[in-house]
Amino acid sequence: MLEKKLNENMIFLRVDKDEEIISKIKEISQKYRVNSGRVTGIGALKRAILGYYTGEKYAKTEVNENMELISCLGDISSEEGYTIHLHSVLGNRYGDTKAGHLFEGVISYTGEFFIEIFPEKLERKYDRTTKLNVIE
């Protein structure tokens, strides 16, 4: 892993082979006390767990092949610690894609992420209508 604080509000994070994306973003969020922010990234994965919210729970799909991380977008918020909420689009060598909520992503070669730090703290609270912890 390589991290560079580019300015007061931006961190670059390179996630290396065999490292897991969400755990590394959480590690950097704790180190720099990022209570809220935006995450964007690209790279390549060898393993991922993607989810689709059914309105009741997440249906999960495991991907175990080398895939391009075409797009990774999400946010950082506070909910009893740091919550990293990411959605991703993955593509294989044939141009087929898989997408969804990223529960886990293990890098196959490299991943490049930018963390934009927001000055105001975003907090999550449980919403009975959606049955999700939503930003309040």
N, C-alpha and C. Protein backbone atom coordinates (compact mmCIF):
# COMPACT_ATOMS: atom_id res chain seq x y z
N MET A 1 0.85 -1.18 0.00
CA MET A 1 0.00 0.00 0.00
C MET A 1 0.89 1.24 0.00
N LEU A 2 0.46 2.22 -0.75
CA LEU A 2 1.14 3.51 -0.76
C LEU A 2 0.08 4.58 -0.56
N GLU A 3 0.37 5.54 0.28
CA GLU A 3 -0.55 6.65 0.50
C GLU A 3 0.19 7.97 0.34
N LYS A 4 -0.49 8.95 -0.21
CA LYS A 4 0.07 10.29 -0.34
C LYS A 4 -1.02 11.30 -0.04
N LYS A 5 -0.78 12.17 0.91
CA LYS A 5 -1.73 13.25 1.17
C LYS A 5 -1.40 14.35 0.17
N LEU A 6 -2.28 14.53 -0.81
CA LEU A 6 -2.02 15.47 -1.91
C LEU A 6 -2.25 16.91 -1.51
N ASN A 7 -3.23 17.13 -0.68
CA ASN A 7 -3.49 18.45 -0.10
C ASN A 7 -4.37 18.25 1.12
N GLU A 8 -4.88 19.31 1.66
CA GLU A 8 -5.66 19.25 2.89
C GLU A 8 -6.90 18.34 2.76
N ASN A 9 -7.45 18.25 1.55
CA ASN A 9 -8.71 17.54 1.36
C ASN A 9 -8.63 16.32 0.44
N MET A 10 -7.42 15.87 0.08
CA MET A 10 -7.32 14.77 -0.88
C MET A 10 -6.17 13.84 -0.53
N ILE A 11 -6.47 12.53 -0.53
CA ILE A 11 -5.47 11.50 -0.29
C ILE A 11 -5.48 10.55 -1.48
N PHE A 12 -4.28 10.22 -1.97
CA PHE A 12 -4.14 9.17 -2.99
C PHE A 12 -3.75 7.89 -2.27
N LEU A 13 -4.37 6.79 -2.67
CA LEU A 13 -4.09 5.49 -2.06
C LEU A 13 -3.88 4.46 -3.17
N ARG A 14 -2.71 3.84 -3.16
CA ARG A 14 -2.47 2.71 -4.06
C ARG A 14 -2.60 1.44 -3.23
N VAL A 15 -3.51 0.56 -3.63
CA VAL A 15 -3.70 -0.71 -2.96
C VAL A 15 -2.99 -1.76 -3.81
N ASP A 16 -2.12 -2.54 -3.17
CA ASP A 16 -1.25 -3.47 -3.90
C ASP A 16 -1.83 -4.88 -3.98
N LYS A 17 -1.15 -5.70 -4.77
CA LYS A 17 -1.54 -7.08 -5.01
C LYS A 17 -1.83 -7.81 -3.70
N ASP A 18 -2.93 -8.55 -3.68
CA ASP A 18 -3.39 -9.37 -2.56
C ASP A 18 -3.93 -8.57 -1.38
N GLU A 19 -4.00 -7.26 -1.48
CA GLU A 19 -4.59 -6.44 -0.41
C GLU A 19 -6.08 -6.23 -0.69
N GLU A 20 -6.83 -6.07 0.39
CA GLU A 20 -8.28 -5.89 0.28
C GLU A 20 -8.61 -4.41 0.35
N ILE A 21 -9.41 -3.94 -0.59
CA ILE A 21 -9.69 -2.51 -0.78
C ILE A 21 -10.33 -1.86 0.45
N ILE A 22 -11.44 -2.39 0.90
CA ILE A 22 -12.21 -1.73 1.96
C ILE A 22 -11.40 -1.62 3.24
N SER A 23 -10.67 -2.66 3.59
CA SER A 23 -9.87 -2.61 4.82
C SER A 23 -8.77 -1.55 4.71
N LYS A 24 -8.19 -1.37 3.52
CA LYS A 24 -7.14 -0.37 3.35
C LYS A 24 -7.72 1.05 3.38
N ILE A 25 -8.88 1.25 2.79
CA ILE A 25 -9.52 2.57 2.85
C ILE A 25 -9.89 2.89 4.29
N LYS A 26 -10.38 1.90 5.03
CA LYS A 26 -10.73 2.10 6.44
C LYS A 26 -9.48 2.45 7.25
N GLU A 27 -8.38 1.77 6.97
CA GLU A 27 -7.11 2.04 7.67
C GLU A 27 -6.67 3.48 7.45
N ILE A 28 -6.74 3.95 6.23
CA ILE A 28 -6.34 5.33 5.91
C ILE A 28 -7.33 6.32 6.52
N SER A 29 -8.62 5.99 6.51
CA SER A 29 -9.63 6.86 7.12
C SER A 29 -9.37 7.04 8.60
N GLN A 30 -8.99 5.97 9.27
CA GLN A 30 -8.68 6.06 10.70
C GLN A 30 -7.41 6.87 10.93
N LYS A 31 -6.40 6.62 10.12
CA LYS A 31 -5.12 7.31 10.28
C LYS A 31 -5.27 8.82 10.14
N TYR A 32 -6.05 9.25 9.13
CA TYR A 32 -6.21 10.68 8.85
C TYR A 32 -7.50 11.24 9.45
N ARG A 33 -8.22 10.42 10.21
CA ARG A 33 -9.47 10.84 10.85
C ARG A 33 -10.47 11.42 9.84
N VAL A 34 -10.68 10.66 8.78
CA VAL A 34 -11.63 11.04 7.74
C VAL A 34 -13.01 10.57 8.20
N ASN A 35 -13.80 11.49 8.76
CA ASN A 35 -15.13 11.13 9.24
C ASN A 35 -16.17 11.11 8.13
N SER A 36 -15.87 11.78 7.03
CA SER A 36 -16.76 11.76 5.88
C SER A 36 -15.98 12.13 4.64
N GLY A 37 -16.38 11.52 3.53
CA GLY A 37 -15.68 11.80 2.29
C GLY A 37 -16.22 10.99 1.13
N ARG A 38 -15.55 11.17 0.00
CA ARG A 38 -15.91 10.47 -1.23
C ARG A 38 -14.73 9.64 -1.68
N VAL A 39 -15.02 8.44 -2.20
CA VAL A 39 -13.99 7.54 -2.70
C VAL A 39 -14.25 7.28 -4.18
N THR A 40 -13.18 7.36 -4.97
CA THR A 40 -13.25 6.95 -6.38
C THR A 40 -12.03 6.09 -6.66
N GLY A 41 -12.17 5.12 -7.56
CA GLY A 41 -11.02 4.28 -7.84
C GLY A 41 -11.17 3.41 -9.07
N ILE A 42 -10.02 2.89 -9.50
CA ILE A 42 -9.92 1.95 -10.61
C ILE A 42 -8.85 0.93 -10.25
N GLY A 43 -8.75 -0.14 -11.04
CA GLY A 43 -7.71 -1.12 -10.77
C GLY A 43 -8.05 -2.48 -11.35
N ALA A 44 -7.57 -3.52 -10.70
CA ALA A 44 -7.81 -4.89 -11.14
C ALA A 44 -8.00 -5.77 -9.91
N LEU A 45 -9.02 -6.63 -9.96
CA LEU A 45 -9.34 -7.50 -8.84
C LEU A 45 -9.21 -8.97 -9.24
N LYS A 46 -8.87 -9.79 -8.26
CA LYS A 46 -8.88 -11.24 -8.50
C LYS A 46 -10.03 -11.91 -7.75
N ARG A 47 -10.60 -11.18 -6.81
CA ARG A 47 -11.73 -11.70 -6.03
C ARG A 47 -12.59 -10.54 -5.57
N ALA A 48 -13.89 -10.75 -5.65
CA ALA A 48 -14.81 -9.72 -5.17
C ALA A 48 -16.08 -10.38 -4.66
N ILE A 49 -16.72 -9.71 -3.73
CA ILE A 49 -18.06 -10.07 -3.31
C ILE A 49 -18.93 -8.84 -3.57
N LEU A 50 -19.90 -9.02 -4.47
CA LEU A 50 -20.82 -7.95 -4.85
C LEU A 50 -22.19 -8.25 -4.28
N GLY A 51 -22.96 -7.20 -4.03
CA GLY A 51 -24.30 -7.40 -3.49
C GLY A 51 -25.34 -6.57 -4.20
N TYR A 52 -26.56 -7.07 -4.11
CA TYR A 52 -27.73 -6.38 -4.64
C TYR A 52 -28.76 -6.34 -3.51
N TYR A 53 -29.26 -5.14 -3.19
CA TYR A 53 -30.21 -5.01 -2.08
C TYR A 53 -31.62 -5.34 -2.57
N THR A 54 -32.25 -6.29 -1.93
CA THR A 54 -33.57 -6.77 -2.34
C THR A 54 -34.72 -5.99 -1.69
N GLY A 55 -34.40 -5.09 -0.79
CA GLY A 55 -35.42 -4.40 -0.01
C GLY A 55 -35.54 -4.99 1.38
N GLU A 56 -34.97 -6.17 1.54
CA GLU A 56 -34.95 -6.85 2.84
C GLU A 56 -33.53 -7.16 3.29
N LYS A 57 -32.70 -7.58 2.33
CA LYS A 57 -31.33 -7.98 2.62
C LYS A 57 -30.51 -7.90 1.34
N TYR A 58 -29.20 -8.10 1.48
CA TYR A 58 -28.32 -8.13 0.31
C TYR A 58 -28.18 -9.56 -0.19
N ALA A 59 -28.43 -9.74 -1.48
CA ALA A 59 -28.12 -11.00 -2.16
C ALA A 59 -26.69 -10.85 -2.66
N LYS A 60 -25.82 -11.76 -2.28
CA LYS A 60 -24.39 -11.62 -2.60
C LYS A 60 -23.96 -12.59 -3.69
N THR A 61 -23.01 -12.11 -4.51
CA THR A 61 -22.41 -12.91 -5.57
C THR A 61 -20.90 -12.83 -5.41
N GLU A 62 -20.25 -13.98 -5.43
CA GLU A 62 -18.79 -14.02 -5.34
C GLU A 62 -18.20 -14.12 -6.74
N VAL A 63 -17.19 -13.31 -7.01
CA VAL A 63 -16.50 -13.31 -8.29
C VAL A 63 -15.05 -13.74 -8.02
N ASN A 64 -14.62 -14.82 -8.67
CA ASN A 64 -13.27 -15.34 -8.48
C ASN A 64 -12.58 -15.47 -9.83
N GLU A 65 -12.29 -14.36 -10.45
CA GLU A 65 -11.54 -14.32 -11.70
C GLU A 65 -10.93 -12.93 -11.81
N ASN A 66 -9.91 -12.81 -12.63
CA ASN A 66 -9.30 -11.50 -12.83
C ASN A 66 -10.28 -10.60 -13.58
N MET A 67 -10.58 -9.47 -12.97
CA MET A 67 -11.52 -8.50 -13.53
C MET A 67 -10.91 -7.10 -13.42
N GLU A 68 -11.18 -6.28 -14.42
CA GLU A 68 -10.84 -4.86 -14.32
C GLU A 68 -11.82 -4.21 -13.37
N LEU A 69 -11.33 -3.39 -12.48
CA LEU A 69 -12.18 -2.56 -11.64
C LEU A 69 -12.41 -1.28 -12.46
N ILE A 70 -13.46 -1.30 -13.25
CA ILE A 70 -13.75 -0.22 -14.20
C ILE A 70 -14.09 1.06 -13.47
N SER A 71 -14.87 0.90 -12.41
CA SER A 71 -15.29 2.07 -11.64
C SER A 71 -15.61 1.63 -10.22
N CYS A 72 -15.15 2.43 -9.28
CA CYS A 72 -15.46 2.21 -7.88
C CYS A 72 -15.81 3.58 -7.29
N LEU A 73 -17.03 3.71 -6.81
CA LEU A 73 -17.50 4.98 -6.26
C LEU A 73 -18.14 4.73 -4.91
N GLY A 74 -18.00 5.69 -4.03
CA GLY A 74 -18.65 5.52 -2.74
C GLY A 74 -18.37 6.64 -1.78
N ASP A 75 -18.71 6.37 -0.52
CA ASP A 75 -18.54 7.40 0.50
C ASP A 75 -18.02 6.81 1.79
N ILE A 76 -17.56 7.71 2.62
CA ILE A 76 -17.10 7.38 3.97
C ILE A 76 -18.00 8.15 4.92
N SER A 77 -18.51 7.46 5.92
CA SER A 77 -19.34 8.13 6.91
C SER A 77 -19.09 7.49 8.27
N SER A 78 -19.72 8.05 9.28
CA SER A 78 -19.55 7.56 10.64
C SER A 78 -20.78 6.78 11.06
N GLU A 79 -20.54 5.63 11.65
CA GLU A 79 -21.60 4.79 12.21
C GLU A 79 -20.90 3.80 13.12
N GLU A 80 -20.69 4.22 14.36
CA GLU A 80 -19.92 3.40 15.29
C GLU A 80 -18.56 3.06 14.68
N GLY A 81 -17.83 4.06 14.27
CA GLY A 81 -16.55 3.88 13.60
C GLY A 81 -16.65 4.41 12.19
N TYR A 82 -15.91 3.84 11.30
CA TYR A 82 -15.88 4.30 9.92
C TYR A 82 -16.65 3.33 9.03
N THR A 83 -17.60 3.86 8.27
CA THR A 83 -18.35 3.06 7.32
C THR A 83 -17.88 3.40 5.92
N ILE A 84 -17.41 2.39 5.21
CA ILE A 84 -16.96 2.54 3.82
C ILE A 84 -18.05 1.91 2.96
N HIS A 85 -18.73 2.72 2.16
CA HIS A 85 -19.85 2.25 1.33
C HIS A 85 -19.45 2.44 -0.13
N LEU A 86 -19.19 1.32 -0.81
CA LEU A 86 -18.70 1.37 -2.19
C LEU A 86 -19.59 0.58 -3.14
N HIS A 87 -19.72 1.10 -4.35
CA HIS A 87 -20.36 0.38 -5.46
C HIS A 87 -19.32 0.26 -6.56
N SER A 88 -19.34 -0.86 -7.27
CA SER A 88 -18.30 -1.11 -8.27
C SER A 88 -18.86 -1.75 -9.53
N VAL A 89 -18.17 -1.46 -10.63
CA VAL A 89 -18.42 -2.13 -11.91
C VAL A 89 -17.14 -2.87 -12.27
N LEU A 90 -17.27 -4.17 -12.53
CA LEU A 90 -16.14 -5.01 -12.89
C LEU A 90 -16.33 -5.50 -14.33
N GLY A 91 -15.22 -5.63 -15.06
CA GLY A 91 -15.29 -6.13 -16.43
C GLY A 91 -14.28 -7.23 -16.66
N ASN A 92 -14.69 -8.28 -17.43
CA ASN A 92 -13.76 -9.36 -17.73
C ASN A 92 -13.13 -9.16 -19.12
N ARG A 93 -12.33 -10.10 -19.54
CA ARG A 93 -11.59 -9.96 -20.80
C ARG A 93 -12.50 -9.97 -22.02
N TYR A 94 -13.73 -10.40 -21.88
CA TYR A 94 -14.68 -10.43 -22.99
C TYR A 94 -15.57 -9.19 -23.05
N GLY A 95 -15.38 -8.30 -22.09
CA GLY A 95 -16.19 -7.09 -22.03
C GLY A 95 -17.48 -7.25 -21.25
N ASP A 96 -17.68 -8.43 -20.65
CA ASP A 96 -18.85 -8.64 -19.80
C ASP A 96 -18.64 -7.93 -18.47
N THR A 97 -19.71 -7.42 -17.90
CA THR A 97 -19.58 -6.68 -16.65
C THR A 97 -20.43 -7.30 -15.54
N LYS A 98 -19.99 -7.02 -14.33
CA LYS A 98 -20.74 -7.34 -13.12
C LYS A 98 -20.67 -6.08 -12.26
N ALA A 99 -21.75 -5.80 -11.56
CA ALA A 99 -21.78 -4.57 -10.77
C ALA A 99 -22.59 -4.78 -9.51
N GLY A 100 -22.34 -3.91 -8.53
CA GLY A 100 -23.13 -3.95 -7.31
C GLY A 100 -22.40 -3.32 -6.14
N HIS A 101 -23.00 -3.48 -4.98
CA HIS A 101 -22.40 -3.03 -3.73
C HIS A 101 -21.15 -3.89 -3.49
N LEU A 102 -20.02 -3.25 -3.22
CA LEU A 102 -18.78 -3.99 -3.01
C LEU A 102 -18.62 -4.32 -1.53
N PHE A 103 -18.72 -5.61 -1.21
CA PHE A 103 -18.50 -6.08 0.16
C PHE A 103 -17.04 -6.42 0.39
N GLU A 104 -16.37 -6.88 -0.65
CA GLU A 104 -14.96 -7.24 -0.55
C GLU A 104 -14.35 -7.17 -1.94
N GLY A 105 -13.13 -6.67 -2.01
CA GLY A 105 -12.39 -6.64 -3.27
C GLY A 105 -10.91 -6.84 -3.03
N VAL A 106 -10.37 -7.92 -3.57
CA VAL A 106 -8.94 -8.23 -3.40
C VAL A 106 -8.23 -7.92 -4.71
N ILE A 107 -7.19 -7.11 -4.61
CA ILE A 107 -6.45 -6.63 -5.77
C ILE A 107 -5.63 -7.77 -6.40
N SER A 108 -5.66 -7.82 -7.74
CA SER A 108 -4.83 -8.79 -8.46
C SER A 108 -3.50 -8.17 -8.89
N TYR A 109 -3.52 -6.91 -9.30
CA TYR A 109 -2.29 -6.25 -9.73
C TYR A 109 -2.10 -4.93 -8.97
N THR A 110 -3.01 -4.00 -9.15
CA THR A 110 -2.92 -2.73 -8.44
C THR A 110 -4.28 -2.04 -8.45
N GLY A 111 -4.47 -1.16 -7.51
CA GLY A 111 -5.67 -0.34 -7.44
C GLY A 111 -5.28 1.09 -7.08
N GLU A 112 -5.94 2.05 -7.71
CA GLU A 112 -5.64 3.47 -7.49
C GLU A 112 -6.91 4.17 -7.04
N PHE A 113 -6.84 4.77 -5.86
CA PHE A 113 -8.02 5.37 -5.24
C PHE A 113 -7.72 6.78 -4.77
N PHE A 114 -8.73 7.62 -4.86
CA PHE A 114 -8.66 8.98 -4.33
C PHE A 114 -9.73 9.10 -3.25
N ILE A 115 -9.33 9.65 -2.12
CA ILE A 115 -10.24 9.89 -1.01
C ILE A 115 -10.33 11.40 -0.84
N GLU A 116 -11.51 11.93 -1.11
CA GLU A 116 -11.76 13.36 -0.91
C GLU A 116 -12.38 13.54 0.47
N ILE A 117 -11.77 14.38 1.29
CA ILE A 117 -12.20 14.58 2.67
C ILE A 117 -13.20 15.73 2.74
N PHE A 118 -14.35 15.48 3.36
CA PHE A 118 -15.36 16.52 3.56
C PHE A 118 -15.19 17.14 4.95
N PRO A 119 -15.41 18.44 5.08
CA PRO A 119 -15.23 19.09 6.38
C PRO A 119 -16.32 18.74 7.39
N GLU A 120 -17.53 18.46 6.92
CA GLU A 120 -18.64 18.16 7.82
C GLU A 120 -18.79 16.66 7.98
N LYS A 121 -19.05 16.22 9.19
CA LYS A 121 -19.19 14.80 9.49
C LYS A 121 -20.55 14.28 8.99
N LEU A 122 -20.51 13.18 8.26
CA LEU A 122 -21.73 12.51 7.82
C LEU A 122 -21.97 11.32 8.74
N GLU A 123 -23.18 11.20 9.26
CA GLU A 123 -23.51 10.10 10.15
C GLU A 123 -24.66 9.28 9.58
N ARG A 124 -24.65 8.00 9.88
CA ARG A 124 -25.69 7.09 9.41
C ARG A 124 -26.61 6.71 10.57
N LYS A 125 -27.89 6.59 10.25
CA LYS A 125 -28.90 6.15 11.21
C LYS A 125 -29.81 5.16 10.51
N TYR A 126 -30.34 4.24 11.28
CA TYR A 126 -31.25 3.23 10.72
C TYR A 126 -32.55 3.88 10.27
N ASP A 127 -32.98 3.53 9.06
CA ASP A 127 -34.24 4.02 8.49
C ASP A 127 -35.20 2.84 8.36
N ARG A 128 -36.34 2.93 9.05
CA ARG A 128 -37.30 1.81 9.06
C ARG A 128 -37.92 1.57 7.68
N THR A 129 -38.05 2.60 6.87
CA THR A 129 -38.68 2.45 5.56
C THR A 129 -37.81 1.61 4.63
N THR A 130 -36.52 1.95 4.55
CA THR A 130 -35.61 1.23 3.64
C THR A 130 -34.95 0.04 4.31
N LYS A 131 -34.98 0.01 5.64
CA LYS A 131 -34.29 -1.01 6.44
C LYS A 131 -32.78 -0.95 6.24
N LEU A 132 -32.29 0.26 6.01
CA LEU A 132 -30.86 0.50 5.81
C LEU A 132 -30.40 1.59 6.76
N ASN A 133 -29.09 1.63 7.00
CA ASN A 133 -28.50 2.76 7.72
C ASN A 133 -28.16 3.82 6.67
N VAL A 134 -28.91 4.91 6.68
CA VAL A 134 -28.77 5.94 5.66
C VAL A 134 -28.10 7.18 6.24
N ILE A 135 -27.45 7.94 5.37
CA ILE A 135 -26.83 9.19 5.83
C ILE A 135 -27.93 10.17 6.20
N GLU A 136 -27.74 10.76 7.35
CA GLU A 136 -28.73 11.67 7.90
C GLU A 136 -28.26 13.10 7.79
